[in-house]
Amino acid sequence: MTMSGFSFSSALADKQAEKSTQETKRATTGGFSFATALSTKQASADAAKQSDAQTSKVADKPAGGSGFSFASALGEKQSGQQIVAIESQIDGKSLLTAAEWQRGEVELNCVEKWHETHDVVSFRFQGLKPVKFNFKPGQFLTFKLNIDGKQVYRSYTIASSPSRPYSLVVTIKQIPDGLVSNHLANTLNVGDKVTVTGPDGLFNLIDIKAEKYLFLSAGSGVTPMHSMSRWLNDTQVGSDIAFVHSARSASDVIFAKAMAQMAERNQSMSLGYVLESAESQSDLTKLYQDTALESGRLDIDKLAKLVPDYQSRTVFICGPDPYMQAVKQMLEQAGFNMANFHQESFGSAPTELDASSAGGDASARFMLEVSAAGQSATSIELTGAQSLLEGIESAGLPIVAACRSGVCGSCKCKVTKGEVNSTSSSGLTPQEVAEGYVLACSSKLTSDASLAL
């Protein structure tokens, strides 16, 4: 546009040139160079990344180091100690158009790793190709690992929420002498790949309906509660949630900052902790001033104080087996409606099978025909004392068996012909049971039978 000799494009070019000259002068005043500073900053960042890579990323610091601090760990998490592998970054357009992963085996890439506490590590995974993860909040994955040349399976709850579907977070507590937990914590790093199957689990907010929630957890049992809380706060704003977590001390509380942020934003969410040690309790109230604290172990009086209307809520509980058994007995004695009591159990210790049926008839001989996708049917001879799982594994057929004690439900398969005796159906829906599904680890032949994997 020109008017009376004025040219808009020329004026804009002149102005830009003037601005560039002024910025150059300012940037170099007193010997300071903006370009040099930027270059130096980039070099420092590159050096930091290289140093991190040489020390196996952040989370491979000694888990029980004397310098660990609950407060500083929270600060570290926020100040950049999460490490994202550059090669794992996926462009936004591909993510938005990604296909859904809903069930089955999938290979994942670890894109982040960090310490939640001194002995708890979180991993974030994405698909090798863009994928949206579709699962029910509270469900778990089963890792398929090779440790010292042996195939090992282990199940862990998904700690993230399906309302944030472009990655999965799994949080693992290191157990003394624990084969899998220590293997993952010490050797799985950013950029590494893992194979998982799932999702599985009836302990979730989709299959279990509720209007008012009471989440009870202890130790790493908080992981499904975190997923559920995030889901409710993301999708049903103002959900009525009471959360009570038990831990040894404030420094052992997992997801303290995340839970505090959710409670602060949701006036219908109450947050309470029962801590065996009173040390550093102020670290929790600093995160959220309305945090309620009790000392010792959870009992009915503490629960009533923390959640006065607990009798009118639906209970979801997860934690060590002794904790869940004690809380269940406590609620039963308090007259709680146990139809509203739901617990996660895939991580529990192996259960005692019914003595009348656990042994089976070792003198009986049966033929088991097993059909697996893409393979010819395989015939296996079993005694009445051997489990279906023993036969399937002896033939080298593909089957996931994480807990091997009739708890997790990962080894389910379908009996298409014949009869079996099952001592557990945990993890199976009533419809699956009606259709002939059984748990291979907890089922033994009482006749010749055919099985579909």
Protein backbone atom coordinates (compact mmCIF):
# COMPACT_ATOMS: atom_id res chain seq x y z
CA MET A 1 0.00 0.00 0.00
CA THR A 2 1.38 3.46 -0.96
CA MET A 3 -0.04 6.81 -0.03
CA SER A 4 1.74 10.21 -0.43
CA GLY A 5 5.00 8.39 -1.06
CA PHE A 6 4.64 6.14 2.01
CA SER A 7 5.36 2.43 1.58
CA PHE A 8 4.10 0.12 4.33
CA SER A 9 6.43 -2.74 3.35
CA SER A 10 9.46 -0.46 3.23
CA ALA A 11 8.64 1.06 6.60
CA LEU A 12 8.20 -2.37 8.14
CA ALA A 13 11.54 -3.51 6.75
CA ASP A 14 13.27 -0.37 8.07
CA LYS A 15 11.71 -0.80 11.49
CA GLN A 16 12.77 -4.44 11.64
CA ALA A 17 16.32 -3.55 10.67
CA GLU A 18 16.43 -0.84 13.35
CA LYS A 19 15.10 -3.26 16.00
CA SER A 20 17.68 -5.89 15.00
CA THR A 21 20.51 -3.34 15.32
CA GLN A 22 19.31 -2.20 18.75
CA GLU A 23 18.99 -5.78 20.05
CA THR A 24 22.47 -6.61 18.78
CA LYS A 25 23.90 -3.62 20.66
CA ARG A 26 22.06 -4.53 23.86
CA ALA A 27 23.11 -8.18 23.58
CA THR A 28 26.81 -7.32 23.28
CA THR A 29 26.96 -4.47 25.86
CA GLY A 30 29.65 -4.97 28.48
CA GLY A 31 31.11 -7.93 26.62
CA PHE A 32 27.92 -10.01 26.97
CA SER A 33 26.81 -11.85 23.85
CA PHE A 34 23.26 -13.25 23.70
CA ALA A 35 24.28 -15.76 21.04
CA THR A 36 27.29 -16.85 23.10
CA ALA A 37 25.15 -17.26 26.23
CA LEU A 38 22.63 -19.33 24.34
CA SER A 39 25.39 -21.50 22.93
CA THR A 40 26.89 -21.93 26.41
CA LYS A 41 23.49 -22.87 27.84
CA GLN A 42 22.98 -25.44 25.11
CA ALA A 43 26.42 -26.90 25.71
CA SER A 44 25.65 -27.22 29.43
CA ALA A 45 22.39 -28.95 28.66
CA ASP A 46 24.12 -31.36 26.29
CA ALA A 47 26.76 -32.11 28.92
CA ALA A 48 24.07 -32.75 31.52
CA LYS A 49 22.26 -35.16 29.20
CA GLN A 50 25.53 -37.01 28.52
CA SER A 51 26.25 -37.22 32.24
CA ASP A 52 22.76 -38.56 32.90
CA ALA A 53 23.19 -41.20 30.22
CA GLN A 54 26.48 -42.33 31.74
CA THR A 55 24.86 -42.78 35.16
CA SER A 56 21.93 -44.83 33.82
CA LYS A 57 19.56 -41.86 34.08
CA VAL A 58 18.10 -40.47 37.28
CA ALA A 59 16.42 -43.40 38.89
CA ASP A 60 19.49 -45.59 39.16
CA LYS A 61 20.86 -43.61 42.10
CA PRO A 62 21.17 -45.85 45.17
CA ALA A 63 17.63 -46.47 46.34
CA GLY A 64 18.36 -46.20 50.02
CA GLY A 65 20.96 -43.43 49.91
CA SER A 66 21.43 -41.51 53.14
CA GLY A 67 20.94 -38.24 51.31
CA PHE A 68 17.34 -38.98 50.31
CA SER A 69 14.75 -36.45 51.44
CA PHE A 70 11.01 -36.58 50.86
CA ALA A 71 10.83 -32.83 50.30
CA SER A 72 13.88 -32.71 48.02
CA ALA A 73 12.60 -35.68 46.01
CA LEU A 74 9.44 -33.75 45.27
CA GLY A 75 11.50 -30.77 44.24
CA GLU A 76 13.72 -32.89 42.02
CA LYS A 77 10.69 -34.34 40.28
CA GLN A 78 9.53 -30.83 39.43
CA SER A 79 12.95 -29.42 38.49
CA GLY A 80 13.73 -31.60 35.53
CA GLN A 81 14.97 -34.92 36.82
CA GLN A 82 12.39 -36.67 34.67
CA ILE A 83 14.30 -37.71 31.57
CA VAL A 84 12.59 -37.97 28.21
CA ALA A 85 14.40 -39.85 25.47
CA ILE A 86 14.64 -37.51 22.49
CA GLU A 87 14.33 -40.35 20.01
CA SER A 88 10.99 -41.34 21.55
CA GLN A 89 9.23 -38.08 20.78
CA ILE A 90 6.20 -38.50 18.52
CA ASP A 91 4.65 -35.61 16.65
CA GLY A 92 1.25 -34.42 17.86
CA LYS A 93 -0.59 -35.08 14.62
CA SER A 94 0.39 -38.75 14.68
CA LEU A 95 -0.81 -39.06 18.27
CA LEU A 96 -4.19 -37.50 17.54
CA THR A 97 -4.80 -39.96 14.72
CA ALA A 98 -3.29 -42.97 16.52
CA ALA A 99 -5.12 -46.28 16.73
CA GLU A 100 -6.32 -47.55 20.11
CA TRP A 101 -4.61 -50.31 22.06
CA GLN A 102 -7.27 -52.03 24.11
CA ARG A 103 -6.03 -55.54 24.76
CA GLY A 104 -3.24 -57.89 23.80
CA GLU A 105 0.53 -58.03 23.68
CA VAL A 106 2.32 -54.77 22.87
CA GLU A 107 5.91 -53.57 22.84
CA LEU A 108 6.52 -50.33 24.72
CA ASN A 109 9.35 -47.82 24.88
CA CYS A 110 10.41 -46.38 28.25
CA VAL A 111 10.46 -42.58 27.87
CA GLU A 112 10.77 -41.48 31.51
CA LYS A 113 12.05 -42.90 34.79
CA TRP A 114 12.12 -41.31 38.22
CA HIS A 115 12.07 -42.04 41.95
CA GLU A 116 8.80 -41.48 43.81
CA THR A 117 10.44 -42.40 47.15
CA HIS A 118 13.74 -44.00 48.15
CA ASP A 119 12.52 -47.47 47.14
CA VAL A 120 9.75 -46.75 44.62
CA VAL A 121 10.40 -46.06 40.94
CA SER A 122 8.00 -44.88 38.24
CA PHE A 123 8.32 -45.55 34.52
CA ARG A 124 6.45 -43.87 31.69
CA PHE A 125 5.92 -45.85 28.50
CA GLN A 126 4.74 -45.05 25.00
CA GLY A 127 4.10 -47.33 22.05
CA LEU A 128 6.86 -47.81 19.51
CA LYS A 129 4.32 -46.36 17.11
CA PRO A 130 1.74 -43.72 18.09
CA VAL A 131 -1.02 -45.39 20.11
CA LYS A 132 -3.86 -44.42 22.44
CA PHE A 133 -4.01 -46.66 25.51
CA ASN A 134 -7.56 -47.71 26.30
CA PHE A 135 -7.99 -49.38 29.68
CA LYS A 136 -10.17 -49.19 32.77
CA PRO A 137 -8.83 -47.16 35.71
CA GLY A 138 -7.57 -49.71 38.23
CA GLN A 139 -6.50 -52.41 35.77
CA PHE A 140 -3.01 -53.89 35.52
CA LEU A 141 -0.40 -54.91 32.95
CA THR A 142 1.68 -58.07 32.91
CA PHE A 143 5.34 -57.66 31.99
CA LYS A 144 6.95 -60.38 29.91
CA LEU A 145 10.62 -60.38 30.90
CA ASN A 146 13.75 -62.43 30.33
CA ILE A 147 15.86 -62.51 33.48
CA ASP A 148 19.03 -64.59 33.51
CA GLY A 149 17.79 -66.56 30.53
CA LYS A 150 14.44 -67.41 32.08
CA GLN A 151 11.00 -66.18 31.01
CA VAL A 152 9.38 -64.33 33.91
CA TYR A 153 5.99 -62.65 34.15
CA ARG A 154 4.89 -60.08 36.70
CA SER A 155 1.77 -57.92 36.99
CA TYR A 156 1.71 -54.24 37.98
CA THR A 157 -1.18 -51.81 38.19
CA ILE A 158 -1.29 -48.96 35.69
CA ALA A 159 -0.77 -45.87 37.84
CA SER A 160 -1.82 -43.36 35.17
CA SER A 161 -5.35 -42.67 33.94
CA PRO A 162 -7.01 -43.55 30.62
CA SER A 163 -8.14 -39.92 30.53
CA ARG A 164 -4.53 -39.21 29.53
CA PRO A 165 -4.21 -41.94 26.91
CA TYR A 166 -0.94 -41.30 25.12
CA SER A 167 1.31 -42.97 27.67
CA LEU A 168 1.23 -45.48 30.53
CA VAL A 169 2.85 -45.04 33.94
CA VAL A 170 3.78 -48.06 36.06
CA THR A 171 5.06 -47.52 39.60
CA ILE A 172 7.11 -50.30 41.21
CA LYS A 173 8.20 -50.74 44.80
CA GLN A 174 11.53 -52.48 45.22
CA ILE A 175 11.17 -55.52 47.45
CA PRO A 176 14.23 -56.90 49.29
CA ASP A 177 15.46 -59.85 47.23
CA GLY A 178 12.57 -59.27 44.80
CA LEU A 179 13.60 -60.71 41.45
CA VAL A 180 11.45 -58.59 39.14
CA SER A 181 11.09 -55.34 41.09
CA ASN A 182 14.84 -54.97 41.49
CA HIS A 183 15.53 -56.07 37.93
CA LEU A 184 13.24 -53.36 36.57
CA ALA A 185 14.39 -50.65 38.99
CA ASN A 186 18.08 -51.29 38.39
CA THR A 187 18.26 -52.21 34.70
CA LEU A 188 15.27 -50.73 32.85
CA ASN A 189 16.19 -47.25 31.60
CA VAL A 190 14.95 -44.58 29.25
CA GLY A 191 15.09 -45.85 25.68
CA ASP A 192 14.71 -49.50 26.67
CA LYS A 193 11.83 -51.60 25.36
CA VAL A 194 9.54 -54.00 27.19
CA THR A 195 6.78 -56.37 26.16
CA VAL A 196 3.54 -56.33 28.14
CA THR A 197 0.13 -57.94 27.91
CA GLY A 198 -3.19 -56.72 29.20
CA PRO A 199 -4.93 -54.77 30.43
CA ASP A 200 -6.58 -57.11 32.93
CA GLY A 201 -8.47 -56.86 36.18
CA LEU A 202 -12.04 -56.56 37.42
CA PHE A 203 -10.96 -54.12 40.14
CA ASN A 204 -11.76 -50.93 38.26
CA LEU A 205 -14.20 -48.02 38.16
CA ILE A 206 -15.98 -49.18 35.01
CA ASP A 207 -17.04 -52.65 36.14
CA ILE A 208 -17.74 -51.46 39.71
CA LYS A 209 -20.31 -48.69 39.98
CA ALA A 210 -20.34 -46.16 42.82
CA GLU A 211 -21.58 -42.68 43.68
CA LYS A 212 -19.43 -41.95 46.73
CA TYR A 213 -15.93 -43.39 46.85
CA LEU A 214 -13.70 -44.47 49.73
CA PHE A 215 -10.19 -45.35 48.57
CA LEU A 216 -8.16 -47.24 51.18
CA SER A 217 -4.57 -48.16 50.40
CA ALA A 218 -1.25 -49.01 51.97
CA GLY A 219 2.25 -48.94 50.49
CA SER A 220 2.36 -49.42 46.73
CA GLY A 221 -1.34 -50.32 46.84
CA VAL A 222 -1.91 -46.63 46.18
CA THR A 223 -1.25 -47.13 42.45
CA PRO A 224 -4.81 -48.09 41.39
CA MET A 225 -6.19 -45.37 43.70
CA HIS A 226 -4.05 -42.78 41.92
CA SER A 227 -5.34 -43.96 38.54
CA MET A 228 -8.94 -43.94 39.76
CA SER A 229 -8.64 -40.52 41.42
CA ARG A 230 -7.08 -39.01 38.32
CA TRP A 231 -9.80 -40.51 36.14
CA LEU A 232 -12.61 -39.16 38.31
CA ASN A 233 -11.09 -35.71 38.59
CA ASP A 234 -10.48 -35.56 34.84
CA THR A 235 -13.85 -36.91 33.71
CA GLN A 236 -16.36 -36.36 36.53
CA VAL A 237 -15.48 -33.01 38.05
CA GLY A 238 -16.48 -32.73 41.70
CA SER A 239 -16.57 -36.49 42.35
CA ASP A 240 -17.12 -37.35 46.02
CA ILE A 241 -13.86 -39.05 46.99
CA ALA A 242 -12.47 -39.91 50.41
CA PHE A 243 -8.87 -41.14 50.27
CA VAL A 244 -7.06 -42.69 53.24
CA HIS A 245 -3.55 -44.02 52.74
CA SER A 246 -1.43 -45.90 55.28
CA ALA A 247 2.37 -45.74 55.26
CA ARG A 248 5.33 -46.14 57.57
CA SER A 249 6.29 -42.46 57.35
CA ALA A 250 5.79 -39.32 55.29
CA SER A 251 8.87 -40.18 53.22
CA ASP A 252 7.22 -43.48 52.21
CA VAL A 253 4.08 -41.83 50.80
CA ILE A 254 3.82 -42.36 47.04
CA PHE A 255 2.14 -39.73 44.80
CA ALA A 256 1.92 -37.27 47.72
CA LYS A 257 2.16 -34.18 45.52
CA ALA A 258 -0.21 -35.45 42.84
CA MET A 259 -2.86 -36.49 45.37
CA ALA A 260 -2.54 -33.14 47.18
CA GLN A 261 -3.06 -31.24 43.94
CA MET A 262 -6.18 -33.24 43.12
CA ALA A 263 -7.63 -32.70 46.61
CA GLU A 264 -6.86 -28.99 46.49
CA ARG A 265 -8.78 -28.58 43.23
CA ASN A 266 -11.71 -30.80 44.18
CA GLN A 267 -13.60 -29.56 47.23
CA SER A 268 -15.46 -32.89 47.33
CA MET A 269 -12.24 -34.85 47.80
CA SER A 270 -10.80 -35.42 51.29
CA LEU A 271 -7.22 -36.53 51.83
CA GLY A 272 -5.99 -38.39 54.90
CA TYR A 273 -2.94 -40.38 55.96
CA VAL A 274 -2.31 -42.88 58.75
CA LEU A 275 1.43 -42.93 59.49
CA GLU A 276 3.28 -45.24 61.81
CA SER A 277 6.01 -42.62 62.27
CA ALA A 278 5.29 -38.97 63.12
CA GLU A 279 8.55 -37.85 61.53
CA SER A 280 8.29 -35.20 58.77
CA GLN A 281 4.47 -35.18 58.78
CA SER A 282 4.63 -31.45 58.02
CA ASP A 283 5.93 -32.35 54.54
CA LEU A 284 2.42 -33.59 53.75
CA THR A 285 0.53 -30.61 55.18
CA LYS A 286 2.83 -28.25 53.29
CA LEU A 287 1.57 -29.81 50.08
CA TYR A 288 -2.09 -29.43 51.08
CA GLN A 289 -3.06 -27.69 54.29
CA ASP A 290 -6.30 -29.66 54.69
CA THR A 291 -4.46 -32.99 54.80
CA ALA A 292 -5.71 -35.03 57.78
CA LEU A 293 -3.15 -37.05 59.72
CA GLU A 294 -3.44 -39.92 62.18
CA SER A 295 -0.64 -41.87 63.85
CA GLY A 296 -0.25 -45.60 64.31
CA ARG A 297 -2.27 -48.05 62.23
CA LEU A 298 -5.71 -47.76 60.73
CA ASP A 299 -8.57 -48.78 63.01
CA ILE A 300 -12.28 -48.11 62.97
CA ASP A 301 -12.00 -45.05 65.24
CA LYS A 302 -9.37 -43.44 63.02
CA LEU A 303 -11.41 -44.24 59.91
CA ALA A 304 -14.55 -42.72 61.43
CA LYS A 305 -12.59 -39.60 62.32
CA LEU A 306 -11.08 -39.25 58.86
CA VAL A 307 -14.24 -40.24 56.97
CA PRO A 308 -17.33 -39.79 59.19
CA ASP A 309 -19.69 -41.06 56.47
CA TYR A 310 -17.65 -44.13 55.55
CA GLN A 311 -20.71 -46.38 56.01
CA SER A 312 -22.43 -44.74 53.03
CA ARG A 313 -19.51 -45.13 50.63
CA THR A 314 -18.25 -47.79 48.24
CA VAL A 315 -14.87 -49.07 49.39
CA PHE A 316 -11.96 -49.78 47.04
CA ILE A 317 -8.94 -51.22 48.84
CA CYS A 318 -5.46 -52.28 47.76
CA GLY A 319 -2.29 -53.04 49.67
CA PRO A 320 -0.36 -55.86 51.32
CA ASP A 321 -2.52 -58.90 52.01
CA PRO A 322 -2.37 -58.59 55.85
CA TYR A 323 -3.52 -54.97 55.56
CA MET A 324 -6.48 -55.85 53.35
CA GLN A 325 -7.50 -58.76 55.56
CA ALA A 326 -7.34 -56.56 58.69
CA VAL A 327 -9.40 -53.77 57.12
CA LYS A 328 -11.97 -56.21 55.77
CA GLN A 329 -12.42 -57.76 59.21
CA MET A 330 -12.59 -54.29 60.76
CA LEU A 331 -15.39 -53.19 58.43
CA GLU A 332 -17.30 -56.44 58.88
CA GLN A 333 -17.24 -55.99 62.64
CA ALA A 334 -18.42 -52.39 62.22
CA GLY A 335 -21.50 -53.57 60.30
CA PHE A 336 -20.39 -52.21 56.94
CA ASN A 337 -22.37 -53.43 53.93
CA MET A 338 -19.74 -55.75 52.42
CA ALA A 339 -21.55 -55.73 49.08
CA ASN A 340 -19.89 -52.32 48.75
CA PHE A 341 -16.42 -53.66 49.56
CA HIS A 342 -14.05 -54.30 46.66
CA GLN A 343 -10.39 -55.24 46.85
CA GLU A 344 -7.52 -55.72 44.44
CA SER A 345 -5.82 -59.03 44.98
CA PHE A 346 -3.49 -59.82 42.10
CA GLY A 347 -0.50 -58.71 44.12
CA SER A 348 -1.37 -60.77 47.17
CA ALA A 349 0.67 -63.64 48.49
CA PRO A 350 -0.25 -67.04 47.03
CA THR A 351 -3.44 -68.32 48.59
CA GLU A 352 -3.99 -71.72 50.14
CA LEU A 353 -6.08 -73.86 47.82
CA ASP A 354 -8.94 -75.92 49.13
CA ALA A 355 -7.40 -79.03 50.70
CA SER A 356 -10.09 -81.35 49.36
CA SER A 357 -9.38 -80.50 45.74
CA ALA A 358 -5.84 -79.12 45.59
CA GLY A 359 -4.09 -82.49 45.34
CA GLY A 360 -5.99 -84.19 42.54
CA ASP A 361 -5.68 -87.86 41.59
CA ALA A 362 -2.04 -88.56 40.79
CA SER A 363 -2.88 -92.07 39.55
CA ALA A 364 -5.37 -90.87 36.91
CA ARG A 365 -4.15 -90.17 33.37
CA PHE A 366 -5.87 -87.79 30.95
CA MET A 367 -5.15 -86.34 27.52
CA LEU A 368 -5.24 -82.59 27.05
CA GLU A 369 -5.45 -81.19 23.53
CA VAL A 370 -4.33 -77.56 23.36
CA SER A 371 -4.98 -75.21 20.44
CA ALA A 372 -3.00 -71.97 20.16
CA ALA A 373 -3.38 -69.32 17.50
CA GLY A 374 -1.23 -70.03 14.47
CA GLN A 375 -0.15 -73.46 15.73
CA SER A 376 -1.31 -77.02 15.25
CA ALA A 377 -3.14 -78.62 18.15
CA THR A 378 -0.81 -80.22 20.71
CA SER A 379 -1.69 -83.31 22.77
CA ILE A 380 -0.32 -83.57 26.31
CA GLU A 381 -0.72 -86.35 28.87
CA LEU A 382 -1.41 -85.11 32.41
CA THR A 383 -2.20 -86.72 35.71
CA GLY A 384 -5.12 -85.53 37.75
CA ALA A 385 -2.64 -83.90 40.14
CA GLN A 386 -1.01 -81.67 37.50
CA SER A 387 -2.37 -78.24 36.63
CA LEU A 388 -3.25 -77.24 33.10
CA LEU A 389 -0.46 -74.67 33.37
CA GLU A 390 2.13 -77.37 34.02
CA GLY A 391 1.06 -79.20 30.90
CA ILE A 392 0.93 -76.11 28.70
CA GLU A 393 4.38 -74.95 29.79
CA SER A 394 5.89 -78.41 29.42
CA ALA A 395 4.85 -78.34 25.77
CA GLY A 396 6.41 -74.91 25.29
CA LEU A 397 3.10 -73.31 24.36
CA PRO A 398 2.56 -69.55 24.80
CA ILE A 399 0.77 -68.62 28.01
CA VAL A 400 1.17 -65.77 30.47
CA ALA A 401 1.23 -66.82 34.13
CA ALA A 402 2.13 -63.95 36.43
CA CYS A 403 1.08 -64.94 39.96
CA ARG A 404 0.72 -68.72 39.42
CA SER A 405 -1.64 -68.86 42.41
CA GLY A 406 -5.13 -68.25 41.00
CA VAL A 407 -5.15 -64.53 41.74
CA CYS A 408 -4.16 -62.33 38.80
CA GLY A 409 -6.23 -63.98 36.05
CA SER A 410 -3.52 -63.66 33.42
CA CYS A 411 -3.44 -67.39 32.56
CA LYS A 412 -7.09 -67.70 31.59
CA CYS A 413 -7.93 -70.10 28.77
CA LYS A 414 -11.08 -71.71 27.42
CA VAL A 415 -12.13 -75.31 27.94
CA THR A 416 -13.92 -76.34 24.74
CA LYS A 417 -14.40 -80.00 25.61
CA GLY A 418 -14.18 -82.14 28.74
CA GLU A 419 -14.17 -81.39 32.47
CA VAL A 420 -11.75 -79.69 34.82
CA ASN A 421 -11.74 -78.92 38.53
CA SER A 422 -10.89 -75.27 39.31
CA THR A 423 -10.00 -73.91 42.73
CA SER A 424 -10.05 -70.24 41.71
CA SER A 425 -11.83 -68.03 39.19
CA SER A 426 -10.34 -64.73 40.39
CA GLY A 427 -10.09 -62.26 37.53
CA LEU A 428 -12.79 -63.96 35.47
CA THR A 429 -16.19 -62.42 34.87
CA PRO A 430 -19.34 -64.50 35.43
CA GLN A 431 -19.85 -64.45 31.66
CA GLU A 432 -16.34 -65.80 31.03
CA VAL A 433 -16.91 -68.59 33.55
CA ALA A 434 -20.19 -69.46 31.81
CA GLU A 435 -18.38 -69.57 28.46
CA GLY A 436 -15.88 -72.12 29.78
CA TYR A 437 -12.91 -69.96 30.72
CA VAL A 438 -10.69 -71.20 33.55
CA LEU A 439 -7.37 -70.27 35.13
CA ALA A 440 -4.73 -72.71 33.94
CA CYS A 441 -2.70 -72.43 37.16
CA SER A 442 -5.69 -73.38 39.31
CA SER A 443 -7.37 -76.05 37.17
CA LYS A 444 -6.77 -79.81 36.87
CA LEU A 445 -8.25 -82.39 34.54
CA THR A 446 -10.98 -84.77 35.63
CA SER A 447 -11.43 -86.14 32.09
CA ASP A 448 -9.85 -85.90 28.66
CA ALA A 449 -10.28 -82.30 27.51
CA SER A 450 -9.60 -79.71 24.80
CA LEU A 451 -8.33 -76.25 25.53
CA ALA A 452 -8.05 -73.03 23.50
CA LEU A 453 -5.38 -70.46 24.38
